Amino acid sequence: MPSLMPEGTAVRKAIQWISHSRQENPLAPLPTLIEQACVKFNLPPKDCEFLTRFFAETPPEEGKKD
């Protein structure tokens, strides 16, 4: 059975970076953040598409405190 999360730490770091960026600036456009993460973490197109799907299916958690 295939994993829901692609292997590799770069994708996980990109997800964390995007999530953190959304918390700091909720008005930042998600497509821009995804594009920046793809460049910052040197992700292949397949992983960039995964990020787009992942965040499209994951609603932002407003008011979440760590």
Protein backbone atom coordinates (compact mmCIF):
# COMPACT_ATOMS: atom_id res chain seq x y z
CA MET A 1 0.00 0.00 0.00
CA PRO A 2 1.53 3.38 -0.96
CA SER A 3 2.26 5.94 1.72
CA LEU A 4 0.18 9.10 1.91
CA MET A 5 3.30 11.15 2.64
CA PRO A 6 6.16 11.09 0.15
CA GLU A 7 9.48 9.90 1.49
CA GLY A 8 12.17 12.41 2.27
CA THR A 9 12.73 15.11 4.78
CA ALA A 10 12.56 17.94 2.23
CA VAL A 11 8.80 17.53 1.76
CA ARG A 12 8.23 17.37 5.51
CA LYS A 13 10.34 20.49 6.01
CA ALA A 14 8.42 22.25 3.23
CA ILE A 15 5.09 21.38 4.90
CA GLN A 16 6.35 22.70 8.22
CA TRP A 17 7.70 25.87 6.59
CA ILE A 18 4.43 26.54 4.74
CA SER A 19 2.37 25.87 7.88
CA HIS A 20 4.56 28.20 9.94
CA SER A 21 4.43 30.88 7.24
CA ARG A 22 0.61 30.65 7.14
CA GLN A 23 0.45 31.12 10.91
CA GLU A 24 2.72 34.16 10.78
CA ASN A 25 0.94 35.71 7.80
CA PRO A 26 -2.56 34.27 7.24
CA LEU A 27 -3.11 36.59 4.26
CA ALA A 28 -0.15 35.20 2.30
CA PRO A 29 -1.43 33.46 -0.85
CA LEU A 30 -1.03 29.70 -0.52
CA PRO A 31 0.13 29.16 -4.14
CA THR A 32 2.93 31.67 -3.55
CA LEU A 33 4.01 29.92 -0.36
CA ILE A 34 4.01 26.55 -2.13
CA GLU A 35 6.09 27.95 -4.98
CA GLN A 36 8.57 29.48 -2.53
CA ALA A 37 8.83 26.20 -0.61
CA CYS A 38 9.47 24.25 -3.81
CA VAL A 39 12.38 26.55 -4.64
CA LYS A 40 13.68 26.80 -1.06
CA PHE A 41 13.73 23.02 -0.55
CA ASN A 42 14.66 22.18 -4.17
CA LEU A 43 11.64 19.91 -4.65
CA PRO A 44 10.92 18.06 -7.88
CA PRO A 45 7.63 18.78 -9.69
CA LYS A 46 6.05 15.61 -8.27
CA ASP A 47 6.57 16.84 -4.71
CA CYS A 48 5.34 20.33 -5.60
CA GLU A 49 2.12 18.78 -6.91
CA PHE A 50 1.86 16.80 -3.67
CA LEU A 51 2.12 20.02 -1.64
CA THR A 52 -0.64 21.62 -3.70
CA ARG A 53 -2.95 18.63 -3.13
CA PHE A 54 -1.97 18.34 0.54
CA PHE A 55 -2.83 21.95 1.36
CA ALA A 56 -5.97 21.92 -0.80
CA GLU A 57 -7.27 19.03 1.33
CA THR A 58 -6.01 20.40 4.67
CA PRO A 59 -7.94 23.39 6.03
CA PRO A 60 -5.88 26.00 7.88
CA GLU A 61 -6.01 25.60 11.65
CA GLU A 62 -6.97 29.03 12.91
CA GLY A 63 -6.04 29.88 16.44
CA LYS A 64 -3.82 26.82 16.85
CA LYS A 65 -1.18 27.36 19.54
CA ASP A 66 1.85 25.09 19.92
